[in-house]
Amino acid sequence: MFSLVSTVVAGLVIALGVFFPALAMGKTISQALDSLARQPESEKAISRTLFIGLAMIESLAIYCLV
């Protein structure tokens, strides 16, 4: 019984741990593209901040998988 419950909970944690960071990444990329469309001259700053933010969001998904 314990094995079944732990397997289900692990699957749920992995599913939620991948779903919510994926939503956050989509929203982040969408906002970055919107910002680039409004201010193309600040491409370097937006891109740098975007990649740092995406790395932090992705680390959440990696922690859930570990």
PDB file of N, CA and C in Angstrom:
ATOM      1  N   MET A   1       0.826  -1.193   0.000  1.00  0.00           N
ATOM      2  CA  MET A   1       0.000   0.000   0.000  1.00  0.00           C
ATOM      3  C   MET A   1       0.874   1.262   0.000  1.00  0.00           C
ATOM      4  N   PHE A   2       1.912   1.253   0.834  1.00  0.00           N
ATOM      5  CA  PHE A   2       2.816   2.403   0.904  1.00  0.00           C
ATOM      6  C   PHE A   2       3.511   2.631  -0.431  1.00  0.00           C
ATOM      7  N   SER A   3       3.879   1.555  -1.091  1.00  0.00           N
ATOM      8  CA  SER A   3       4.554   1.652  -2.381  1.00  0.00           C
ATOM      9  C   SER A   3       3.648   2.299  -3.427  1.00  0.00           C
ATOM     10  N   LEU A   4       2.388   1.923  -3.416  1.00  0.00           N
ATOM     11  CA  LEU A   4       1.433   2.490  -4.366  1.00  0.00           C
ATOM     12  C   LEU A   4       1.235   3.986  -4.124  1.00  0.00           C
ATOM     13  N   VAL A   5       1.056   4.349  -2.861  1.00  0.00           N
ATOM     14  CA  VAL A   5       0.840   5.759  -2.524  1.00  0.00           C
ATOM     15  C   VAL A   5       2.077   6.588  -2.864  1.00  0.00           C
ATOM     16  N   SER A   6       3.250   6.090  -2.551  1.00  0.00           N
ATOM     17  CA  SER A   6       4.469   6.847  -2.838  1.00  0.00           C
ATOM     18  C   SER A   6       4.689   6.996  -4.346  1.00  0.00           C
ATOM     19  N   THR A   7       4.317   5.984  -5.116  1.00  0.00           N
ATOM     20  CA  THR A   7       4.448   6.071  -6.566  1.00  0.00           C
ATOM     21  C   THR A   7       3.493   7.109  -7.140  1.00  0.00           C
ATOM     22  N   VAL A   8       2.263   7.120  -6.655  1.00  0.00           N
ATOM     23  CA  VAL A   8       1.274   8.087  -7.133  1.00  0.00           C
ATOM     24  C   VAL A   8       1.686   9.509  -6.754  1.00  0.00           C
ATOM     25  N   VAL A   9       2.141   9.690  -5.528  1.00  0.00           N
ATOM     26  CA  VAL A   9       2.563  11.021  -5.079  1.00  0.00           C
ATOM     27  C   VAL A   9       3.794  11.484  -5.862  1.00  0.00           C
ATOM     28  N   ALA A  10       4.728  10.602  -6.124  1.00  0.00           N
ATOM     29  CA  ALA A  10       5.911  10.968  -6.905  1.00  0.00           C
ATOM     30  C   ALA A  10       5.514  11.383  -8.317  1.00  0.00           C
ATOM     31  N   GLY A  11       4.594  10.657  -8.919  1.00  0.00           N
ATOM     32  CA  GLY A  11       4.109  11.025 -10.250  1.00  0.00           C
ATOM     33  C   GLY A  11       3.411  12.369 -10.257  1.00  0.00           C
ATOM     34  N   LEU A  12       2.630  12.632  -9.216  1.00  0.00           N
ATOM     35  CA  LEU A  12       1.931  13.909  -9.107  1.00  0.00           C
ATOM     36  C   LEU A  12       2.914  15.067  -8.927  1.00  0.00           C
ATOM     37  N   VAL A  13       3.910  14.865  -8.096  1.00  0.00           N
ATOM     38  CA  VAL A  13       4.917  15.910  -7.878  1.00  0.00           C
ATOM     39  C   VAL A  13       5.673  16.204  -9.168  1.00  0.00           C
ATOM     40  N   ILE A  14       6.040  15.174  -9.899  1.00  0.00           N
ATOM     41  CA  ILE A  14       6.756  15.374 -11.160  1.00  0.00           C
ATOM     42  C   ILE A  14       5.864  16.082 -12.175  1.00  0.00           C
ATOM     43  N   ALA A  15       4.595  15.666 -12.258  1.00  0.00           N
ATOM     44  CA  ALA A  15       3.679  16.293 -13.216  1.00  0.00           C
ATOM     45  C   ALA A  15       3.480  17.774 -12.911  1.00  0.00           C
ATOM     46  N   LEU A  16       3.232  18.095 -11.655  1.00  0.00           N
ATOM     47  CA  LEU A  16       3.041  19.497 -11.283  1.00  0.00           C
ATOM     48  C   LEU A  16       4.348  20.275 -11.350  1.00  0.00           C
ATOM     49  N   GLY A  17       5.437  19.602 -11.017  1.00  0.00           N
ATOM     50  CA  GLY A  17       6.740  20.251 -11.042  1.00  0.00           C
ATOM     51  C   GLY A  17       7.238  20.558 -12.438  1.00  0.00           C
ATOM     52  N   VAL A  18       6.663  19.936 -13.433  1.00  0.00           N
ATOM     53  CA  VAL A  18       7.022  20.235 -14.816  1.00  0.00           C
ATOM     54  C   VAL A  18       5.990  21.177 -15.443  1.00  0.00           C
ATOM     55  N   PHE A  19       4.732  21.040 -15.058  1.00  0.00           N
ATOM     56  CA  PHE A  19       3.651  21.827 -15.648  1.00  0.00           C
ATOM     57  C   PHE A  19       3.767  23.313 -15.304  1.00  0.00           C
ATOM     58  N   PHE A  20       3.917  23.630 -14.040  1.00  0.00           N
ATOM     59  CA  PHE A  20       3.944  25.036 -13.633  1.00  0.00           C
ATOM     60  C   PHE A  20       5.190  25.783 -14.113  1.00  0.00           C
ATOM     61  N   PRO A  21       6.384  25.190 -14.061  1.00  0.00           N
ATOM     62  CA  PRO A  21       7.520  25.890 -14.672  1.00  0.00           C
ATOM     63  C   PRO A  21       7.356  26.082 -16.181  1.00  0.00           C
ATOM     64  N   ALA A  22       6.694  25.134 -16.852  1.00  0.00           N
ATOM     65  CA  ALA A  22       6.449  25.303 -18.288  1.00  0.00           C
ATOM     66  C   ALA A  22       5.532  26.498 -18.541  1.00  0.00           C
ATOM     67  N   LEU A  23       4.515  26.659 -17.710  1.00  0.00           N
ATOM     68  CA  LEU A  23       3.647  27.833 -17.831  1.00  0.00           C
ATOM     69  C   LEU A  23       4.424  29.119 -17.566  1.00  0.00           C
ATOM     70  N   ALA A  24       5.260  29.091 -16.547  1.00  0.00           N
ATOM     71  CA  ALA A  24       6.054  30.275 -16.216  1.00  0.00           C
ATOM     72  C   ALA A  24       7.022  30.621 -17.342  1.00  0.00           C
ATOM     73  N   MET A  25       7.620  29.608 -17.956  1.00  0.00           N
ATOM     74  CA  MET A  25       8.536  29.857 -19.068  1.00  0.00           C
ATOM     75  C   MET A  25       7.796  30.460 -20.261  1.00  0.00           C
ATOM     76  N   GLY A  26       6.621  29.937 -20.548  1.00  0.00           N
ATOM     77  CA  GLY A  26       5.832  30.480 -21.649  1.00  0.00           C
ATOM     78  C   GLY A  26       5.471  31.932 -21.422  1.00  0.00           C
ATOM     79  N   LYS A  27       5.055  32.249 -20.207  1.00  0.00           N
ATOM     80  CA  LYS A  27       4.701  33.642 -19.887  1.00  0.00           C
ATOM     81  C   LYS A  27       5.932  34.541 -19.944  1.00  0.00           C
ATOM     82  N   THR A  28       7.055  34.052 -19.463  1.00  0.00           N
ATOM     83  CA  THR A  28       8.292  34.833 -19.482  1.00  0.00           C
ATOM     84  C   THR A  28       8.740  35.130 -20.906  1.00  0.00           C
ATOM     85  N   ILE A  29       8.712  34.118 -21.753  1.00  0.00           N
ATOM     86  CA  ILE A  29       9.122  34.305 -23.147  1.00  0.00           C
ATOM     87  C   ILE A  29       8.162  35.249 -23.858  1.00  0.00           C
ATOM     88  N   SER A  30       6.882  35.109 -23.584  1.00  0.00           N
ATOM     89  CA  SER A  30       5.889  35.993 -24.188  1.00  0.00           C
ATOM     90  C   SER A  30       6.128  37.451 -23.798  1.00  0.00           C
ATOM     91  N   GLN A  31       6.392  37.676 -22.519  1.00  0.00           N
ATOM     92  CA  GLN A  31       6.653  39.044 -22.058  1.00  0.00           C
ATOM     93  C   GLN A  31       7.956  39.590 -22.646  1.00  0.00           C
ATOM     94  N   ALA A  32       8.961  38.740 -22.779  1.00  0.00           N
ATOM     95  CA  ALA A  32      10.233  39.192 -23.352  1.00  0.00           C
ATOM     96  C   ALA A  32      10.058  39.576 -24.822  1.00  0.00           C
ATOM     97  N   LEU A  33       9.309  38.778 -25.566  1.00  0.00           N
ATOM     98  CA  LEU A  33       9.070  39.108 -26.971  1.00  0.00           C
ATOM     99  C   LEU A  33       8.254  40.385 -27.104  1.00  0.00           C
ATOM    100  N   ASP A  34       7.306  40.575 -26.204  1.00  0.00           N
ATOM    101  CA  ASP A  34       6.522  41.808 -26.199  1.00  0.00           C
ATOM    102  C   ASP A  34       7.422  43.010 -25.909  1.00  0.00           C
ATOM    103  N   SER A  35       8.324  42.854 -24.959  1.00  0.00           N
ATOM    104  CA  SER A  35       9.260  43.937 -24.631  1.00  0.00           C
ATOM    105  C   SER A  35      10.204  44.227 -25.795  1.00  0.00           C
ATOM    106  N   LEU A  36      10.652  43.180 -26.475  1.00  0.00           N
ATOM    107  CA  LEU A  36      11.529  43.374 -27.631  1.00  0.00           C
ATOM    108  C   LEU A  36      10.801  44.076 -28.769  1.00  0.00           C
ATOM    109  N   ALA A  37       9.515  43.798 -28.918  1.00  0.00           N
ATOM    110  CA  ALA A  37       8.747  44.458 -29.971  1.00  0.00           C
ATOM    111  C   ALA A  37       8.582  45.949 -29.671  1.00  0.00           C
ATOM    112  N   ARG A  38       8.454  46.289 -28.394  1.00  0.00           N
ATOM    113  CA  ARG A  38       8.277  47.694 -28.016  1.00  0.00           C
ATOM    114  C   ARG A  38       9.592  48.460 -27.990  1.00  0.00           C
ATOM    115  N   GLN A  39      10.676  47.793 -27.554  1.00  0.00           N
ATOM    116  CA  GLN A  39      11.972  48.468 -27.435  1.00  0.00           C
ATOM    117  C   GLN A  39      13.076  47.598 -28.038  1.00  0.00           C
ATOM    118  N   PRO A  40      13.184  47.575 -29.346  1.00  0.00           N
ATOM    119  CA  PRO A  40      14.202  46.715 -29.972  1.00  0.00           C
ATOM    120  C   PRO A  40      15.637  47.132 -29.651  1.00  0.00           C
ATOM    121  N   GLU A  41      15.853  48.386 -29.256  1.00  0.00           N
ATOM    122  CA  GLU A  41      17.217  48.838 -28.959  1.00  0.00           C
ATOM    123  C   GLU A  41      17.759  48.248 -27.661  1.00  0.00           C
ATOM    124  N   SER A  42      16.893  47.724 -26.809  1.00  0.00           N
ATOM    125  CA  SER A  42      17.353  47.137 -25.539  1.00  0.00           C
ATOM    126  C   SER A  42      17.389  45.609 -25.607  1.00  0.00           C
ATOM    127  N   GLU A  43      17.715  45.100 -26.786  1.00  0.00           N
ATOM    128  CA  GLU A  43      17.718  43.650 -27.002  1.00  0.00           C
ATOM    129  C   GLU A  43      18.710  42.924 -26.095  1.00  0.00           C
ATOM    130  N   LYS A  44      19.903  43.469 -25.928  1.00  0.00           N
ATOM    131  CA  LYS A  44      20.922  42.786 -25.117  1.00  0.00           C
ATOM    132  C   LYS A  44      20.487  42.631 -23.671  1.00  0.00           C
ATOM    133  N   ALA A  45      19.971  43.689 -23.088  1.00  0.00           N
ATOM    134  CA  ALA A  45      19.556  43.641 -21.679  1.00  0.00           C
ATOM    135  C   ALA A  45      18.375  42.700 -21.485  1.00  0.00           C
ATOM    136  N   ILE A  46      17.422  42.753 -22.406  1.00  0.00           N
ATOM    137  CA  ILE A  46      16.242  41.886 -22.289  1.00  0.00           C
ATOM    138  C   ILE A  46      16.640  40.426 -22.464  1.00  0.00           C
ATOM    139  N   SER A  47      17.487  40.147 -23.454  1.00  0.00           N
ATOM    140  CA  SER A  47      17.909  38.761 -23.696  1.00  0.00           C
ATOM    141  C   SER A  47      18.687  38.196 -22.516  1.00  0.00           C
ATOM    142  N   ARG A  48      19.583  38.989 -21.972  1.00  0.00           N
ATOM    143  CA  ARG A  48      20.377  38.532 -20.827  1.00  0.00           C
ATOM    144  C   ARG A  48      19.477  38.227 -19.630  1.00  0.00           C
ATOM    145  N   THR A  49      18.559  39.140 -19.342  1.00  0.00           N
ATOM    146  CA  THR A  49      17.637  38.935 -18.225  1.00  0.00           C
ATOM    147  C   THR A  49      16.723  37.749 -18.481  1.00  0.00           C
ATOM    148  N   LEU A  50      16.304  37.583 -19.740  1.00  0.00           N
ATOM    149  CA  LEU A  50      15.442  36.450 -20.101  1.00  0.00           C
ATOM    150  C   LEU A  50      16.145  35.126 -19.832  1.00  0.00           C
ATOM    151  N   PHE A  51      17.385  34.994 -20.278  1.00  0.00           N
ATOM    152  CA  PHE A  51      18.080  33.723 -20.107  1.00  0.00           C
ATOM    153  C   PHE A  51      18.391  33.420 -18.647  1.00  0.00           C
ATOM    154  N   ILE A  52      18.691  34.431 -17.870  1.00  0.00           N
ATOM    155  CA  ILE A  52      18.906  34.209 -16.433  1.00  0.00           C
ATOM    156  C   ILE A  52      17.606  33.767 -15.773  1.00  0.00           C
ATOM    157  N   GLY A  53      16.512  34.422 -16.121  1.00  0.00           N
ATOM    158  CA  GLY A  53      15.210  34.045 -15.569  1.00  0.00           C
ATOM    159  C   GLY A  53      14.785  32.649 -15.979  1.00  0.00           C
ATOM    160  N   LEU A  54      15.015  32.297 -17.243  1.00  0.00           N
ATOM    161  CA  LEU A  54      14.661  30.951 -17.700  1.00  0.00           C
ATOM    162  C   LEU A  54      15.491  29.885 -16.990  1.00  0.00           C
ATOM    163  N   ALA A  55      16.746  30.178 -16.719  1.00  0.00           N
ATOM    164  CA  ALA A  55      17.585  29.222 -15.992  1.00  0.00           C
ATOM    165  C   ALA A  55      17.063  29.006 -14.576  1.00  0.00           C
ATOM    166  N   MET A  56      16.618  30.083 -13.938  1.00  0.00           N
ATOM    167  CA  MET A  56      16.065  29.947 -12.578  1.00  0.00           C
ATOM    168  C   MET A  56      14.759  29.159 -12.587  1.00  0.00           C
ATOM    169  N   ILE A  57      13.911  29.416 -13.573  1.00  0.00           N
ATOM    170  CA  ILE A  57      12.644  28.685 -13.671  1.00  0.00           C
ATOM    171  C   ILE A  57      12.911  27.210 -13.955  1.00  0.00           C
ATOM    172  N   GLU A  58      13.850  26.940 -14.850  1.00  0.00           N
ATOM    173  CA  GLU A  58      14.161  25.555 -15.200  1.00  0.00           C
ATOM    174  C   GLU A  58      14.730  24.799 -14.007  1.00  0.00           C
ATOM    175  N   SER A  59      15.447  25.489 -13.130  1.00  0.00           N
ATOM    176  CA  SER A  59      15.995  24.815 -11.950  1.00  0.00           C
ATOM    177  C   SER A  59      14.882  24.285 -11.047  1.00  0.00           C
ATOM    178  N   LEU A  60      13.736  24.956 -11.017  1.00  0.00           N
ATOM    179  CA  LEU A  60      12.605  24.443 -10.234  1.00  0.00           C
ATOM    180  C   LEU A  60      12.138  23.093 -10.762  1.00  0.00           C
ATOM    181  N   ALA A  61      12.042  22.971 -12.078  1.00  0.00           N
ATOM    182  CA  ALA A  61      11.624  21.697 -12.670  1.00  0.00           C
ATOM    183  C   ALA A  61      12.660  20.608 -12.401  1.00  0.00           C
ATOM    184  N   ILE A  62      13.923  20.964 -12.450  1.00  0.00           N
ATOM    185  CA  ILE A  62      14.975  19.978 -12.190  1.00  0.00           C
ATOM    186  C   ILE A  62      14.921  19.504 -10.744  1.00  0.00           C
ATOM    187  N   TYR A  63      14.668  20.424  -9.809  1.00  0.00           N
ATOM    188  CA  TYR A  63      14.555  20.033  -8.401  1.00  0.00           C
ATOM    189  C   TYR A  63      13.397  19.069  -8.187  1.00  0.00           C
ATOM    190  N   CYS A  64      12.301  19.251  -8.894  1.00  0.00           N
ATOM    191  CA  CYS A  64      11.161  18.335  -8.742  1.00  0.00           C
ATOM    192  C   CYS A  64      11.475  16.955  -9.308  1.00  0.00           C
ATOM    193  N   LEU A  65      12.300  16.902 -10.335  1.00  0.00           N
ATOM    194  CA  LEU A  65      12.641  15.607 -10.920  1.00  0.00           C
ATOM    195  C   LEU A  65      13.649  14.843 -10.073  1.00  0.00           C
ATOM    196  N   VAL A  66      14.421  15.559  -9.281  1.00  0.00           N
ATOM    197  CA  VAL A  66      15.422  14.913  -8.427  1.00  0.00           C
ATOM    198  C   VAL A  66      14.741  14.520  -7.176  1.00  0.00           C
TER     199      VAL A  66
END
